[in-house]
Protein backbone atom coordinates (compact mmCIF):
# COMPACT_ATOMS: atom_id res chain seq x y z
CA MET A 1 -5.98 19.44 -85.57
CA THR A 2 -3.37 19.92 -88.19
CA MET A 3 -2.24 17.50 -91.06
CA ARG A 4 0.32 16.50 -88.49
CA PHE A 5 -1.94 13.60 -87.36
CA GLU A 6 -1.79 12.08 -90.75
CA SER A 7 1.86 11.69 -90.56
CA ALA A 8 1.90 10.16 -87.12
CA LYS A 9 -0.46 7.39 -87.88
CA PRO A 10 2.01 5.22 -89.41
CA VAL A 11 4.28 5.35 -86.05
CA PHE A 12 1.41 3.53 -84.38
CA SER A 13 0.36 0.78 -86.89
CA GLU A 14 4.29 -0.22 -86.94
CA VAL A 15 4.58 -0.24 -83.45
CA ARG A 16 1.46 -2.37 -82.54
CA GLY A 17 2.63 -4.84 -84.94
CA MET A 18 6.15 -4.32 -83.63
CA SER A 19 7.32 -5.08 -87.35
CA HIS A 20 10.06 -2.40 -87.01
CA GLU A 21 13.42 -3.06 -85.31
CA LYS A 22 13.98 -1.39 -82.11
CA LYS A 23 16.24 1.84 -82.81
CA LEU A 24 17.39 2.33 -79.13
CA LYS A 25 20.42 0.70 -78.10
CA PRO A 26 19.84 -1.82 -75.08
CA ASP A 27 19.49 -0.44 -71.51
CA HIS A 28 21.97 -1.97 -69.22
CA SER A 29 22.02 0.98 -66.80
CA LEU A 30 21.84 0.11 -63.25
CA ILE A 31 21.33 3.77 -62.02
CA GLY A 32 17.63 2.99 -60.59
CA LEU A 33 18.94 0.18 -58.30
CA LEU A 34 21.58 2.77 -56.96
CA PRO A 35 19.35 4.09 -53.96
CA ALA A 36 18.51 0.79 -52.98
CA PHE A 37 22.07 -0.31 -53.07
CA CYS A 38 23.26 2.60 -50.85
CA SER A 39 20.61 1.96 -48.31
CA LEU A 40 21.90 -1.77 -48.04
CA VAL A 41 25.25 -0.38 -47.61
CA VAL A 42 24.53 2.26 -44.94
CA ILE A 43 22.26 -0.49 -43.10
CA ALA A 44 25.08 -2.90 -43.18
CA VAL A 45 27.70 -0.65 -41.86
CA ALA A 46 25.09 0.25 -38.96
CA ALA A 47 25.01 -3.43 -38.13
CA VAL A 48 28.48 -3.59 -37.84
CA ILE A 49 29.05 -0.48 -35.66
CA PHE A 50 25.84 -0.26 -33.64
CA GLY A 51 24.44 -3.74 -33.61
CA ARG A 52 20.93 -5.01 -33.97
CA GLN A 53 19.12 -1.89 -32.54
CA GLY A 54 21.13 0.36 -34.90
CA VAL A 55 20.01 -1.61 -37.86
CA ALA A 56 16.41 -0.99 -36.55
CA TRP A 57 16.86 2.67 -36.19
CA THR A 58 18.99 3.07 -39.57
CA ALA A 59 16.51 1.09 -41.47
CA THR A 60 13.47 3.23 -40.19
CA LEU A 61 15.30 6.32 -41.00
CA VAL A 62 16.18 4.85 -44.41
CA PHE A 63 12.63 3.90 -45.15
CA ALA A 64 11.22 7.23 -43.67
CA GLY A 65 13.44 9.23 -45.93
CA PHE A 66 11.83 7.29 -48.91
CA THR A 67 8.57 7.90 -47.83
CA GLY A 68 9.32 11.36 -48.08
CA PHE A 69 10.59 11.17 -51.49
CA ALA A 70 7.66 9.27 -52.64
CA PHE A 71 5.40 12.02 -51.51
CA THR A 72 7.54 14.68 -52.96
CA ALA A 73 7.41 12.76 -56.28
CA GLN A 74 3.40 12.32 -56.23
CA ARG A 75 3.15 15.90 -55.49
CA ARG A 76 5.25 16.66 -58.43
CA SER A 77 3.90 14.39 -60.91
CA GLY A 78 0.54 13.54 -59.48
CA SER A 79 1.36 9.98 -60.28
CA LEU A 80 -1.22 7.43 -59.07
CA SER A 81 1.93 4.70 -58.55
CA TYR A 82 3.57 7.16 -56.28
CA ILE A 83 0.62 6.95 -53.97
CA ALA A 84 1.00 3.24 -53.49
CA SER A 85 4.58 3.70 -53.05
CA VAL A 86 3.80 6.02 -50.12
CA VAL A 87 1.54 3.81 -48.57
CA TYR A 88 3.81 0.86 -48.95
CA LEU A 89 6.67 2.78 -47.54
CA LEU A 90 4.86 4.39 -44.84
CA THR A 91 3.33 1.28 -43.46
CA ALA A 92 6.99 -0.56 -43.85
CA THR A 93 8.52 2.39 -41.89
CA LEU A 94 5.94 2.19 -38.91
CA ALA A 95 6.20 -1.59 -38.92
CA LEU A 96 10.19 -1.20 -38.44
CA ALA A 97 9.59 1.72 -35.92
CA SER A 98 7.34 -0.50 -33.88
CA ALA A 99 9.40 -3.73 -34.05
CA PRO A 100 10.59 -4.90 -30.77
CA ASP A 101 13.58 -3.01 -29.55
CA SER A 102 13.28 -0.62 -32.24
CA VAL A 103 12.75 2.93 -32.35
CA PHE A 104 9.46 2.88 -30.19
CA GLY A 105 10.95 0.44 -28.07
CA PHE A 106 7.34 -1.58 -27.77
CA ARG A 107 7.85 -4.97 -26.25
CA ASP A 108 4.18 -5.96 -27.46
CA ARG A 109 4.32 -7.06 -30.94
CA THR A 110 0.59 -6.33 -31.53
CA VAL A 111 1.57 -2.66 -33.28
CA PHE A 112 4.38 -4.19 -35.21
CA ASN A 113 2.16 -7.24 -36.56
CA LEU A 114 -0.64 -5.02 -37.62
CA PHE A 115 1.56 -2.89 -39.90
CA LYS A 116 3.43 -5.87 -41.06
CA VAL A 117 0.08 -7.25 -42.09
CA LEU A 118 -0.74 -3.88 -43.58
CA THR A 119 2.47 -3.82 -45.62
CA LEU A 120 1.43 -7.16 -47.51
CA PRO A 121 -1.20 -5.57 -49.60
CA SER A 122 0.72 -2.50 -50.53
CA ILE A 123 3.67 -4.66 -51.74
CA ALA A 124 1.39 -6.56 -53.98
CA THR A 125 -0.40 -3.57 -55.35
CA LEU A 126 3.11 -2.34 -56.11
CA LEU A 127 3.84 -5.47 -57.87
CA TYR A 128 0.77 -5.14 -59.88
CA LEU A 129 1.38 -1.70 -61.01
CA MET A 130 5.42 -2.44 -61.86
CA PHE A 131 4.33 -5.61 -63.93
CA THR A 132 1.58 -3.82 -65.94
CA ARG A 133 3.99 -0.97 -66.34
CA ARG A 134 1.90 1.82 -64.66
CA ALA A 135 4.92 2.19 -62.17
CA LYS A 136 7.52 3.17 -64.76
CA TRP A 137 8.42 6.31 -66.40
CA ARG A 138 7.86 6.03 -70.18
CA GLY A 139 10.50 7.99 -71.63
CA ARG A 140 12.18 5.16 -73.47
CA ASP A 141 8.85 4.26 -74.89
CA ILE A 142 8.32 7.57 -76.10
CA LEU A 143 11.76 7.98 -77.74
CA GLU A 144 11.52 4.37 -79.36
CA LEU A 145 7.91 5.50 -81.09
CA ALA A 146 9.33 8.65 -82.14
CA ALA A 147 12.22 6.91 -83.99
CA ALA A 148 9.77 4.01 -85.56
CA PRO A 149 9.02 5.91 -88.90
CA VAL A 150 12.51 7.51 -89.40
CA ASP A 151 14.78 5.96 -91.88
CA GLU A 152 16.84 8.43 -92.99
CA LEU A 153 20.33 8.82 -91.61
CA GLY A 154 21.55 12.67 -90.78
CA ASP A 155 25.08 14.30 -89.85
CA GLY A 156 23.91 13.55 -86.37
CA PHE A 157 23.09 15.72 -83.34
CA THR A 158 22.22 19.30 -83.69
CA GLU A 159 21.94 21.16 -80.43
CA ARG A 160 18.88 23.68 -80.77
CA PRO A 161 15.50 23.58 -80.36
CA TYR A 162 13.31 22.68 -83.59
CA PRO A 163 10.01 24.37 -84.25
CA SER A 164 7.87 21.55 -85.72
CA GLY A 165 4.67 23.35 -86.58
CA LYS A 166 1.19 24.34 -84.98
CA ALA A 167 -1.51 22.31 -83.51
CA ASP A 168 -5.03 23.24 -82.82
CA TYR A 169 -5.79 23.22 -79.02
CA SER A 170 -7.10 25.30 -76.13
CA TRP A 171 -4.98 26.42 -73.27
CA ASP A 172 -7.26 24.23 -70.69
CA GLU A 173 -6.84 21.26 -72.98
CA ILE A 174 -2.96 21.31 -73.08
CA LEU A 175 -2.88 21.93 -69.32
CA GLY A 176 -5.15 19.04 -68.49
CA PHE A 177 -3.07 16.93 -71.13
CA ALA A 178 -0.07 17.52 -69.17
CA ARG A 179 -1.57 16.72 -65.74
CA PHE A 180 -2.63 13.53 -67.64
CA CYS A 181 1.06 12.72 -68.72
CA GLY A 182 2.20 13.40 -65.28
CA LYS A 183 -0.32 11.30 -63.37
CA HIS A 184 0.48 8.25 -65.95
CA MET A 185 4.17 9.02 -65.86
CA ILE A 186 4.26 9.46 -69.63
CA SER A 187 6.20 12.74 -69.39
CA LEU A 188 6.88 15.37 -66.76
CA PRO A 189 5.06 18.83 -67.04
CA TYR A 190 7.22 22.07 -66.64
CA ILE A 191 4.55 24.65 -66.57
CA GLU A 192 5.08 28.33 -67.48
CA SER A 193 2.55 31.29 -68.04
CA GLU A 194 2.59 30.71 -71.56
CA ARG A 195 4.03 27.41 -72.38
CA VAL A 196 4.00 23.64 -71.30
CA TYR A 197 6.89 21.56 -71.55
CA LEU A 198 6.51 17.71 -71.65
CA VAL A 199 9.57 15.94 -70.56
CA PRO A 200 9.80 12.38 -71.62
CA VAL A 201 11.79 11.01 -68.33
CA ARG A 202 13.67 7.78 -68.44
CA MET A 203 13.52 5.45 -65.57
CA GLY A 204 16.73 6.07 -63.30
CA LYS A 205 16.59 9.70 -64.56
CA GLU A 206 13.64 10.84 -62.47
CA PHE A 207 15.51 11.46 -59.42
CA GLY A 208 17.07 14.74 -60.80
CA HIS A 209 13.65 16.11 -62.23
CA LEU A 210 11.92 15.02 -58.90
CA TRP A 211 14.01 16.26 -56.36
CA ASN A 212 15.25 19.42 -58.16
CA VAL A 213 11.94 21.32 -58.68
CA SER A 214 13.77 24.26 -60.19
CA ARG A 215 15.89 22.10 -62.79
CA ASN A 216 16.92 23.73 -65.91
CA ILE A 217 15.33 21.67 -68.58
CA SER A 218 16.91 23.70 -71.51
CA LYS A 219 19.31 20.54 -72.02
CA ASP A 220 16.68 17.98 -71.94
CA THR A 221 14.47 16.23 -74.16
CA TRP A 222 10.82 18.09 -74.43
CA VAL A 223 8.03 19.02 -76.65
CA CYS A 224 6.62 22.52 -75.90
CA PHE A 225 3.11 23.82 -76.35
CA ASP A 226 2.64 27.36 -76.14
CA SER A 227 -0.49 29.78 -75.68
CA GLU A 228 -0.65 30.55 -79.47
CA GLY A 229 -0.41 26.87 -80.82
CA ASN A 230 2.97 26.33 -81.60
CA VAL A 231 5.06 23.27 -81.22
CA THR A 232 8.66 22.99 -80.71
CA VAL A 233 11.00 20.18 -79.89
CA ASN A 234 14.36 19.76 -78.38
CA ILE A 235 16.06 16.25 -78.32
CA SER A 236 19.08 16.17 -75.66
CA LYS A 237 22.52 14.92 -76.65
CA ASP A 238 22.36 11.99 -74.29
CA ASP A 239 18.95 10.78 -75.53
CA TYR A 240 20.04 11.23 -79.41
CA TYR A 241 22.92 8.82 -78.61
CA LEU A 242 20.80 6.24 -77.40
CA TYR A 243 19.71 5.39 -80.70
CA ARG A 244 21.69 2.71 -82.63
CA ASP A 245 22.12 5.05 -85.72
CA ASP A 246 22.46 8.74 -86.50
CA LEU A 247 19.09 9.26 -87.28
CA SER A 248 17.81 12.43 -89.47
CA PHE A 249 17.70 15.01 -86.58
CA ASP A 250 14.83 17.10 -88.55
CA GLN A 251 12.68 14.00 -88.97
CA LEU A 252 13.33 12.68 -85.57
CA CYS A 253 12.05 15.66 -83.89
CA ASP A 254 9.27 16.04 -86.32
CA SER A 255 8.02 12.32 -85.49
CA LEU A 256 8.60 13.31 -81.78
CA ALA A 257 6.06 16.16 -82.17
CA ASP A 258 3.91 13.74 -83.94
CA VAL A 259 3.76 11.55 -81.30
CA TYR A 260 2.75 14.08 -78.62
CA VAL A 261 0.29 15.86 -80.89
CA GLU A 262 -1.54 12.40 -81.68
CA PHE A 263 -1.29 11.78 -77.98
CA LEU A 264 -3.12 14.89 -77.24
CA ASP A 265 -5.90 14.58 -80.02
CA LEU A 266 -6.60 11.01 -78.37
CA TYR A 267 -6.92 12.87 -75.01
CA ARG A 268 -9.27 15.30 -76.44
CA ARG A 269 -11.36 12.42 -77.61
CA ASP A 270 -11.52 10.90 -74.50
CA LEU A 271 -9.66 7.84 -75.81
CA THR A 272 -6.53 8.11 -73.41
CA VAL A 273 -6.83 4.05 -72.96
CA ARG A 274 -5.29 4.18 -76.61
CA ILE A 275 -2.29 6.03 -75.39
CA ILE A 276 -1.11 3.62 -72.65
CA ASP A 277 -2.05 0.71 -75.33
CA ARG A 278 0.26 2.03 -77.72
CA LEU A 279 3.24 2.95 -75.25
CA ASN A 280 2.82 -0.74 -73.91
CA SER A 281 3.16 -2.27 -77.31
CA VAL A 282 6.68 -0.97 -77.63
CA LYS A 283 7.35 -3.38 -75.12
CA ILE A 284 10.08 -1.65 -73.29
CA GLY A 285 11.20 -3.59 -70.05
CA PHE A 286 9.66 -2.92 -66.61
CA PHE A 287 12.60 -1.35 -65.26
CA SER A 288 13.71 0.58 -68.48
């Protein structure tokens, strides 16, 4: 690889020891809870208007809708955690639908009890994935890693892609790395014929990417690897102003490229566990 790896190493040595002050503002967003809140409102309205049977039907339809979303998200990202979500939501949907006086109208509780029991291990699996940070998008972790070595302040945000040099990789390697990033929710890949864009998605912002497959990412934060080995960086205005200070834009772009190029090198050397360790060492919250 290029000399860029040498400049990337201080980022991770600092983060492992957490000797640097976090440079992102605290995350108080509740956007990630919005779907659950809206669902509760819809179910409550159904209870008032239609009574108990209306609640059963509405809750079943809501869970079926979330099952469809989780399935779509898994297909789009390749993430293993969305498989766990699909299993949980599907078993919960079938449990709700088979409950007495519900959608299927079963009087016998045998089927309901079966799906209810199957729901419990799927919930336990999801909780495990959440508390080991395997069920969260790592956008804030990436942004914090990128900012760690940047001490210079600048004139603020610049709305332009930033060319950040070259790296040594084959096209198959960058495609494999893109799939790895999606599978582990490190970044969402957007793949073109000669370019791969890796978008670090923050928790609460994933819906716009996963539901809108034709999303225009020109205003998003991304790192692009092309078929000629060129590395280009774009940082969105929203992400830039998540930082407490106006960091040097060029240095921040270079550092963000360093993070991904170093991760690519670890991927090529089959040291992917180090990538996850370094992301976890940032200690961003489970839901942030």
